[in-house]
């Protein structure tokens, strides 16, 4: 049984970095590795049931299979945190200074997904969040086809 399955079985909320709302929207089966890609598919499947999520500026369920994760944490921590904070700002979730000692937002996946789509994607602001990401070209091609 996977971590995602265990969490779902116990009805626990899924920890999710805010910028991963964008990654999930644009995900088309490509990833850092086969392991990462399979894990991302598993996370996306678990979101179909509209679970409770906890938005966190820090490691989440998606990060667990990312090659940028090291024993000392994320090797791209500053960049990822800046993406997270921008998503929170654009989605109007200002109270989320997540992490140790900070508050965290708990809401349903669909509520967050709709905020990401309406306030970032449809508003044409994705590049403000993560235009310097290594996957930017892929997301841009997907956006052009939409």
N, C-alpha and C. Protein backbone atom coordinates (compact mmCIF):
# COMPACT_ATOMS: atom_id res chain seq x y z
N UNK A 1 0.85 -1.17 0.00
CA UNK A 1 0.00 0.00 0.00
C UNK A 1 0.90 1.24 0.00
N UNK A 2 0.59 2.21 -0.86
CA UNK A 2 1.41 3.41 -0.96
C UNK A 2 1.05 4.41 0.13
N UNK A 3 1.91 5.42 0.32
CA UNK A 3 1.62 6.47 1.30
C UNK A 3 0.32 7.18 0.98
N UNK A 4 0.08 7.43 -0.31
CA UNK A 4 -1.14 8.12 -0.72
C UNK A 4 -2.35 7.26 -0.39
N UNK A 5 -2.26 5.95 -0.64
CA UNK A 5 -3.37 5.05 -0.31
C UNK A 5 -3.62 5.02 1.20
N UNK A 6 -2.55 4.96 1.99
CA UNK A 6 -2.69 4.93 3.45
C UNK A 6 -3.37 6.20 3.96
N UNK A 7 -2.97 7.34 3.40
CA UNK A 7 -3.55 8.62 3.80
C UNK A 7 -5.03 8.65 3.46
N UNK A 8 -5.37 8.21 2.27
CA UNK A 8 -6.77 8.19 1.83
C UNK A 8 -7.59 7.26 2.70
N UNK A 9 -7.04 6.07 2.99
CA UNK A 9 -7.76 5.09 3.80
C UNK A 9 -8.07 5.64 5.19
N UNK A 10 -7.17 6.43 5.75
CA UNK A 10 -7.37 6.99 7.08
C UNK A 10 -8.10 8.33 7.04
N UNK A 11 -8.48 8.77 5.85
CA UNK A 11 -9.18 10.05 5.66
C UNK A 11 -8.36 11.23 6.18
N UNK A 12 -7.05 11.16 6.00
CA UNK A 12 -6.17 12.25 6.40
C UNK A 12 -6.03 13.24 5.25
N UNK A 13 -5.87 14.52 5.56
CA UNK A 13 -5.68 15.48 4.47
C UNK A 13 -4.34 15.26 3.78
N UNK A 14 -4.28 15.62 2.53
CA UNK A 14 -3.07 15.51 1.72
C UNK A 14 -2.30 16.82 1.84
N UNK A 15 -1.03 16.74 2.21
CA UNK A 15 -0.18 17.93 2.25
C UNK A 15 0.23 18.24 0.82
N UNK A 16 0.04 19.50 0.43
CA UNK A 16 0.31 19.89 -0.95
C UNK A 16 0.95 21.27 -0.99
N UNK A 17 2.09 21.36 -1.67
CA UNK A 17 2.70 22.67 -1.91
C UNK A 17 1.78 23.43 -2.84
N UNK A 18 1.54 24.72 -2.60
CA UNK A 18 0.65 25.48 -3.47
C UNK A 18 1.04 25.44 -4.95
N UNK A 19 2.34 25.53 -5.26
CA UNK A 19 2.70 25.54 -6.68
C UNK A 19 2.45 24.20 -7.35
N UNK A 20 2.30 23.15 -6.58
CA UNK A 20 1.98 21.85 -7.18
C UNK A 20 0.58 21.83 -7.76
N UNK A 21 -0.27 22.77 -7.37
CA UNK A 21 -1.56 22.91 -8.04
C UNK A 21 -1.39 23.20 -9.52
N UNK A 22 -0.37 23.99 -9.86
CA UNK A 22 -0.05 24.26 -11.27
C UNK A 22 0.58 23.04 -11.92
N UNK A 23 1.52 22.41 -11.25
CA UNK A 23 2.17 21.22 -11.81
C UNK A 23 1.14 20.14 -12.15
N UNK A 24 0.19 19.95 -11.25
CA UNK A 24 -0.84 18.94 -11.47
C UNK A 24 -1.72 19.32 -12.66
N UNK A 25 -2.06 20.57 -12.79
CA UNK A 25 -2.90 21.02 -13.91
C UNK A 25 -2.21 20.74 -15.25
N UNK A 26 -0.92 21.00 -15.33
CA UNK A 26 -0.19 20.85 -16.59
C UNK A 26 0.43 19.47 -16.79
N UNK A 27 0.36 18.60 -15.82
CA UNK A 27 0.98 17.29 -15.91
C UNK A 27 0.36 16.46 -17.03
N UNK A 28 1.23 15.91 -17.89
CA UNK A 28 0.77 15.08 -19.01
C UNK A 28 1.53 13.77 -19.10
N UNK A 29 2.14 13.36 -18.01
CA UNK A 29 2.82 12.07 -17.98
C UNK A 29 4.32 12.15 -18.12
N UNK A 30 4.88 13.35 -18.17
CA UNK A 30 6.33 13.51 -18.19
C UNK A 30 6.78 13.91 -16.80
N UNK A 31 7.99 13.52 -16.46
CA UNK A 31 8.49 13.88 -15.14
C UNK A 31 9.98 13.70 -15.06
N UNK A 32 10.51 13.91 -13.88
CA UNK A 32 11.94 13.80 -13.66
C UNK A 32 12.43 12.37 -13.89
N UNK A 33 11.59 11.40 -13.54
CA UNK A 33 11.96 10.00 -13.65
C UNK A 33 10.68 9.17 -13.74
N UNK A 34 10.83 7.90 -14.05
CA UNK A 34 9.67 7.01 -14.09
C UNK A 34 9.01 6.91 -12.72
N UNK A 35 9.83 6.81 -11.67
CA UNK A 35 9.30 6.74 -10.31
C UNK A 35 8.50 8.00 -9.97
N UNK A 36 9.06 9.16 -10.30
CA UNK A 36 8.35 10.41 -10.03
C UNK A 36 7.04 10.47 -10.80
N UNK A 37 7.09 10.11 -12.08
CA UNK A 37 5.90 10.16 -12.93
C UNK A 37 4.80 9.25 -12.39
N UNK A 38 5.14 8.04 -12.00
CA UNK A 38 4.15 7.12 -11.45
C UNK A 38 3.56 7.65 -10.14
N UNK A 39 4.41 8.22 -9.32
CA UNK A 39 3.92 8.78 -8.05
C UNK A 39 2.99 9.96 -8.31
N UNK A 40 3.34 10.81 -9.26
CA UNK A 40 2.48 11.96 -9.59
C UNK A 40 1.12 11.47 -10.07
N UNK A 41 1.10 10.43 -10.89
CA UNK A 41 -0.18 9.87 -11.35
C UNK A 41 -1.00 9.38 -10.16
N UNK A 42 -0.34 8.76 -9.20
CA UNK A 42 -1.02 8.26 -8.00
C UNK A 42 -1.62 9.42 -7.20
N UNK A 43 -0.86 10.50 -7.04
CA UNK A 43 -1.36 11.67 -6.32
C UNK A 43 -2.58 12.24 -7.04
N UNK A 44 -2.49 12.37 -8.36
CA UNK A 44 -3.60 12.92 -9.15
C UNK A 44 -4.83 12.03 -9.02
N UNK A 45 -4.65 10.72 -9.05
CA UNK A 45 -5.79 9.81 -8.86
C UNK A 45 -6.45 10.05 -7.50
N UNK A 46 -5.65 10.26 -6.48
CA UNK A 46 -6.21 10.47 -5.14
C UNK A 46 -6.98 11.79 -5.05
N UNK A 47 -6.67 12.75 -5.90
CA UNK A 47 -7.36 14.04 -5.87
C UNK A 47 -8.74 13.98 -6.52
N UNK A 48 -8.99 12.95 -7.29
CA UNK A 48 -10.29 12.81 -7.96
C UNK A 48 -11.44 12.68 -6.96
N UNK A 49 -11.15 12.26 -5.74
CA UNK A 49 -12.17 12.13 -4.70
C UNK A 49 -12.38 13.43 -3.92
N UNK A 50 -11.75 14.54 -4.38
CA UNK A 50 -11.87 15.85 -3.74
C UNK A 50 -11.54 15.80 -2.25
N UNK A 51 -10.33 15.29 -1.92
CA UNK A 51 -9.97 15.19 -0.50
C UNK A 51 -9.69 16.55 0.13
N UNK A 52 -9.61 16.54 1.43
CA UNK A 52 -9.12 17.72 2.13
C UNK A 52 -7.62 17.79 1.85
N UNK A 53 -7.14 19.01 1.66
CA UNK A 53 -5.71 19.21 1.46
C UNK A 53 -5.23 20.25 2.46
N UNK A 54 -3.96 20.19 2.77
CA UNK A 54 -3.31 21.21 3.59
C UNK A 54 -2.25 21.84 2.71
N UNK A 55 -2.41 23.12 2.42
CA UNK A 55 -1.41 23.83 1.63
C UNK A 55 -0.24 24.17 2.55
N UNK A 56 0.94 23.79 2.12
CA UNK A 56 2.12 23.98 2.95
C UNK A 56 3.30 24.44 2.11
N UNK A 57 4.01 25.44 2.61
CA UNK A 57 5.24 25.89 1.98
C UNK A 57 6.34 25.02 2.57
N UNK A 58 6.54 23.89 1.96
CA UNK A 58 7.49 22.90 2.44
C UNK A 58 7.20 21.58 1.75
N UNK A 59 7.96 20.56 2.10
CA UNK A 59 7.81 19.27 1.43
C UNK A 59 6.41 18.72 1.59
N UNK A 60 5.92 18.10 0.51
CA UNK A 60 4.57 17.55 0.49
C UNK A 60 4.59 16.15 -0.10
N UNK A 61 3.41 15.65 -0.41
CA UNK A 61 3.27 14.30 -0.96
C UNK A 61 3.98 14.16 -2.31
N UNK A 62 3.90 15.17 -3.16
CA UNK A 62 4.55 15.11 -4.48
C UNK A 62 6.07 15.05 -4.32
N UNK A 63 6.59 15.80 -3.36
CA UNK A 63 8.04 15.88 -3.16
C UNK A 63 8.67 14.53 -2.78
N UNK A 64 7.88 13.63 -2.25
CA UNK A 64 8.44 12.38 -1.72
C UNK A 64 9.19 11.56 -2.76
N UNK A 65 8.92 11.76 -4.05
CA UNK A 65 9.64 11.00 -5.07
C UNK A 65 10.43 11.91 -6.02
N UNK A 66 10.66 13.15 -5.61
CA UNK A 66 11.37 14.11 -6.47
C UNK A 66 12.88 13.95 -6.32
N UNK A 67 13.61 13.94 -7.43
CA UNK A 67 15.07 13.82 -7.34
C UNK A 67 15.75 15.06 -6.75
N UNK A 68 15.04 16.17 -6.64
CA UNK A 68 15.60 17.36 -6.00
C UNK A 68 15.56 17.27 -4.48
N UNK A 69 14.93 16.23 -3.97
CA UNK A 69 14.85 16.01 -2.52
C UNK A 69 16.13 15.31 -2.07
N UNK A 70 16.80 15.91 -1.13
CA UNK A 70 18.05 15.37 -0.60
C UNK A 70 17.88 15.14 0.90
N UNK A 71 18.85 14.49 1.54
CA UNK A 71 18.75 14.32 3.00
C UNK A 71 18.65 15.65 3.75
N UNK A 72 19.14 16.72 3.13
CA UNK A 72 19.08 18.05 3.77
C UNK A 72 17.85 18.84 3.34
N UNK A 73 16.95 18.23 2.59
CA UNK A 73 15.75 18.92 2.11
C UNK A 73 15.82 19.16 0.61
N UNK A 74 14.99 20.04 0.14
CA UNK A 74 14.89 20.32 -1.29
C UNK A 74 16.09 21.12 -1.77
N UNK A 75 16.74 20.65 -2.83
CA UNK A 75 17.87 21.39 -3.38
C UNK A 75 17.42 22.66 -4.10
N UNK A 76 16.13 22.77 -4.38
CA UNK A 76 15.55 23.95 -5.03
C UNK A 76 14.60 24.68 -4.07
N UNK A 77 14.89 24.61 -2.78
CA UNK A 77 13.99 25.12 -1.75
C UNK A 77 13.58 26.57 -1.96
N UNK A 78 14.53 27.46 -2.17
CA UNK A 78 14.18 28.89 -2.30
C UNK A 78 13.27 29.14 -3.49
N UNK A 79 13.59 28.51 -4.60
CA UNK A 79 12.76 28.69 -5.80
C UNK A 79 11.36 28.13 -5.56
N UNK A 80 11.27 26.93 -5.00
CA UNK A 80 9.97 26.31 -4.74
C UNK A 80 9.14 27.14 -3.76
N UNK A 81 9.78 27.65 -2.72
CA UNK A 81 9.05 28.47 -1.75
C UNK A 81 8.55 29.76 -2.38
N UNK A 82 9.33 30.35 -3.28
CA UNK A 82 8.86 31.58 -3.95
C UNK A 82 7.66 31.27 -4.83
N UNK A 83 7.66 30.13 -5.50
CA UNK A 83 6.50 29.72 -6.30
C UNK A 83 5.27 29.54 -5.39
N UNK A 84 5.49 28.86 -4.26
CA UNK A 84 4.38 28.62 -3.33
C UNK A 84 3.76 29.92 -2.84
N UNK A 85 4.60 30.84 -2.43
CA UNK A 85 4.08 32.10 -1.88
C UNK A 85 3.34 32.91 -2.94
N UNK A 86 3.82 32.86 -4.17
CA UNK A 86 3.14 33.60 -5.25
C UNK A 86 1.78 32.98 -5.53
N UNK A 87 1.68 31.66 -5.53
CA UNK A 87 0.38 31.00 -5.74
C UNK A 87 -0.58 31.39 -4.61
N UNK A 88 -0.11 31.36 -3.38
CA UNK A 88 -0.97 31.75 -2.25
C UNK A 88 -1.46 33.18 -2.41
N UNK A 89 -0.56 34.07 -2.80
CA UNK A 89 -0.92 35.47 -3.00
C UNK A 89 -1.97 35.62 -4.10
N UNK A 90 -1.71 35.03 -5.26
CA UNK A 90 -2.63 35.17 -6.39
C UNK A 90 -3.98 34.51 -6.13
N UNK A 91 -3.99 33.46 -5.32
CA UNK A 91 -5.25 32.77 -5.01
C UNK A 91 -5.98 33.41 -3.84
N UNK A 92 -5.41 34.47 -3.27
CA UNK A 92 -6.06 35.16 -2.16
C UNK A 92 -5.98 34.41 -0.85
N UNK A 93 -4.97 33.60 -0.69
CA UNK A 93 -4.79 32.82 0.54
C UNK A 93 -3.63 33.42 1.35
N UNK A 94 -3.76 34.70 1.67
CA UNK A 94 -2.67 35.47 2.26
C UNK A 94 -2.23 34.99 3.63
N UNK A 95 -3.11 34.37 4.40
CA UNK A 95 -2.77 33.96 5.75
C UNK A 95 -1.87 32.75 5.82
N UNK A 96 -1.39 32.27 4.70
CA UNK A 96 -0.66 31.01 4.68
C UNK A 96 0.85 31.22 4.69
N UNK A 97 1.37 31.66 5.79
CA UNK A 97 2.83 31.70 5.94
C UNK A 97 3.20 30.35 6.54
N UNK A 98 3.14 29.34 5.70
CA UNK A 98 3.23 27.96 6.15
C UNK A 98 4.64 27.58 6.57
N UNK A 99 4.69 26.53 7.30
CA UNK A 99 5.95 25.99 7.75
C UNK A 99 6.01 26.05 9.27
N UNK A 100 7.17 25.79 9.83
CA UNK A 100 7.29 25.77 11.29
C UNK A 100 6.82 27.09 11.90
N UNK A 101 5.87 27.00 12.80
CA UNK A 101 5.37 28.19 13.48
C UNK A 101 4.36 28.99 12.68
N UNK A 102 4.09 28.60 11.45
CA UNK A 102 3.16 29.35 10.61
C UNK A 102 1.82 28.65 10.51
N UNK A 103 0.86 29.37 9.98
CA UNK A 103 -0.46 28.76 9.80
C UNK A 103 -0.50 28.01 8.48
N UNK A 104 -1.41 27.10 8.37
CA UNK A 104 -1.59 26.36 7.13
C UNK A 104 -3.05 26.40 6.75
N UNK A 105 -3.31 26.45 5.46
CA UNK A 105 -4.69 26.44 4.97
C UNK A 105 -5.13 25.02 4.70
N UNK A 106 -6.27 24.64 5.26
CA UNK A 106 -6.87 23.36 4.95
C UNK A 106 -8.17 23.63 4.20
N UNK A 107 -8.31 23.02 3.05
CA UNK A 107 -9.50 23.18 2.22
C UNK A 107 -9.65 21.96 1.35
N UNK A 108 -10.69 21.91 0.56
CA UNK A 108 -10.90 20.80 -0.36
C UNK A 108 -10.09 21.05 -1.63
N UNK A 109 -9.61 19.95 -2.22
CA UNK A 109 -8.83 20.03 -3.44
C UNK A 109 -9.55 20.84 -4.51
N UNK A 110 -10.82 20.58 -4.74
CA UNK A 110 -11.55 21.24 -5.82
C UNK A 110 -11.62 22.75 -5.61
N UNK A 111 -11.77 23.18 -4.39
CA UNK A 111 -11.79 24.62 -4.09
C UNK A 111 -10.45 25.26 -4.47
N UNK A 112 -9.36 24.59 -4.10
CA UNK A 112 -8.04 25.11 -4.45
C UNK A 112 -7.82 25.05 -5.96
N UNK A 113 -8.18 23.93 -6.58
CA UNK A 113 -7.99 23.79 -8.03
C UNK A 113 -8.72 24.91 -8.78
N UNK A 114 -9.94 25.21 -8.38
CA UNK A 114 -10.70 26.27 -9.04
C UNK A 114 -10.04 27.63 -8.87
N UNK A 115 -9.46 27.89 -7.70
CA UNK A 115 -8.75 29.15 -7.47
C UNK A 115 -7.53 29.24 -8.38
N UNK A 116 -6.78 28.15 -8.50
CA UNK A 116 -5.60 28.13 -9.37
C UNK A 116 -6.00 28.37 -10.82
N UNK A 117 -7.03 27.69 -11.28
CA UNK A 117 -7.47 27.83 -12.67
C UNK A 117 -7.96 29.25 -12.94
N UNK A 118 -8.82 29.78 -12.10
CA UNK A 118 -9.41 31.10 -12.38
C UNK A 118 -8.46 32.25 -12.11
N UNK A 119 -7.68 32.18 -11.05
CA UNK A 119 -6.86 33.33 -10.66
C UNK A 119 -5.45 33.33 -11.22
N UNK A 120 -5.01 32.18 -11.72
CA UNK A 120 -3.65 32.11 -12.26
C UNK A 120 -3.69 31.70 -13.73
N UNK A 121 -4.24 30.54 -14.03
CA UNK A 121 -4.17 30.01 -15.39
C UNK A 121 -5.00 30.85 -16.35
N UNK A 122 -6.29 30.99 -16.09
CA UNK A 122 -7.14 31.77 -17.00
C UNK A 122 -6.79 33.25 -16.98
N UNK A 123 -6.24 33.72 -15.87
CA UNK A 123 -5.83 35.13 -15.76
C UNK A 123 -4.50 35.39 -16.47
N UNK A 124 -3.88 34.34 -17.01
CA UNK A 124 -2.62 34.49 -17.73
C UNK A 124 -1.43 34.83 -16.84
N UNK A 125 -1.43 34.34 -15.61
CA UNK A 125 -0.38 34.70 -14.65
C UNK A 125 0.56 33.55 -14.29
N UNK A 126 0.46 32.43 -14.99
CA UNK A 126 1.32 31.29 -14.63
C UNK A 126 2.79 31.66 -14.67
N UNK A 127 3.21 32.38 -15.68
CA UNK A 127 4.63 32.71 -15.79
C UNK A 127 5.10 33.64 -14.68
N UNK A 128 4.18 34.41 -14.08
CA UNK A 128 4.55 35.23 -12.92
C UNK A 128 4.95 34.33 -11.76
N UNK A 129 4.36 33.17 -11.70
CA UNK A 129 4.63 32.24 -10.61
C UNK A 129 5.91 31.46 -10.88
N UNK A 130 5.99 30.83 -12.06
CA UNK A 130 7.05 29.84 -12.29
C UNK A 130 7.65 29.92 -13.69
N UNK A 131 7.77 31.11 -14.23
CA UNK A 131 8.32 31.27 -15.58
C UNK A 131 9.77 30.84 -15.71
N UNK A 132 10.49 30.72 -14.58
CA UNK A 132 11.88 30.28 -14.64
C UNK A 132 12.05 28.80 -14.30
N UNK A 133 10.96 28.06 -14.28
CA UNK A 133 11.00 26.62 -14.00
C UNK A 133 11.53 25.86 -15.22
N UNK A 134 12.21 24.77 -14.97
CA UNK A 134 12.74 23.96 -16.08
C UNK A 134 11.64 23.37 -16.95
N UNK A 135 10.41 23.28 -16.44
CA UNK A 135 9.29 22.72 -17.19
C UNK A 135 8.47 23.80 -17.90
N UNK A 136 8.91 25.05 -17.85
CA UNK A 136 8.14 26.16 -18.42
C UNK A 136 7.78 25.93 -19.88
N UNK A 137 8.71 25.46 -20.68
CA UNK A 137 8.44 25.23 -22.10
C UNK A 137 7.32 24.22 -22.32
N UNK A 138 7.33 23.16 -21.55
CA UNK A 138 6.28 22.15 -21.65
C UNK A 138 4.92 22.74 -21.27
N UNK A 139 4.87 23.46 -20.16
CA UNK A 139 3.61 24.08 -19.73
C UNK A 139 3.11 25.08 -20.76
N UNK A 140 4.02 25.82 -21.36
CA UNK A 140 3.63 26.81 -22.37
C UNK A 140 3.03 26.12 -23.60
N UNK A 141 3.63 25.02 -24.03
CA UNK A 141 3.08 24.28 -25.18
C UNK A 141 1.70 23.72 -24.86
N UNK A 142 1.50 23.23 -23.66
CA UNK A 142 0.19 22.72 -23.25
C UNK A 142 -0.82 23.85 -23.24
N UNK A 143 -0.42 25.00 -22.71
CA UNK A 143 -1.32 26.16 -22.65
C UNK A 143 -1.72 26.63 -24.05
N UNK A 144 -0.80 26.58 -24.99
CA UNK A 144 -1.09 27.01 -26.36
C UNK A 144 -2.12 26.11 -27.02
N UNK A 145 -2.12 24.83 -26.67
CA UNK A 145 -3.06 23.88 -27.27
C UNK A 145 -4.44 23.95 -26.63
N UNK A 146 -4.52 24.53 -25.45
CA UNK A 146 -5.81 24.58 -24.71
C UNK A 146 -6.78 25.58 -25.31
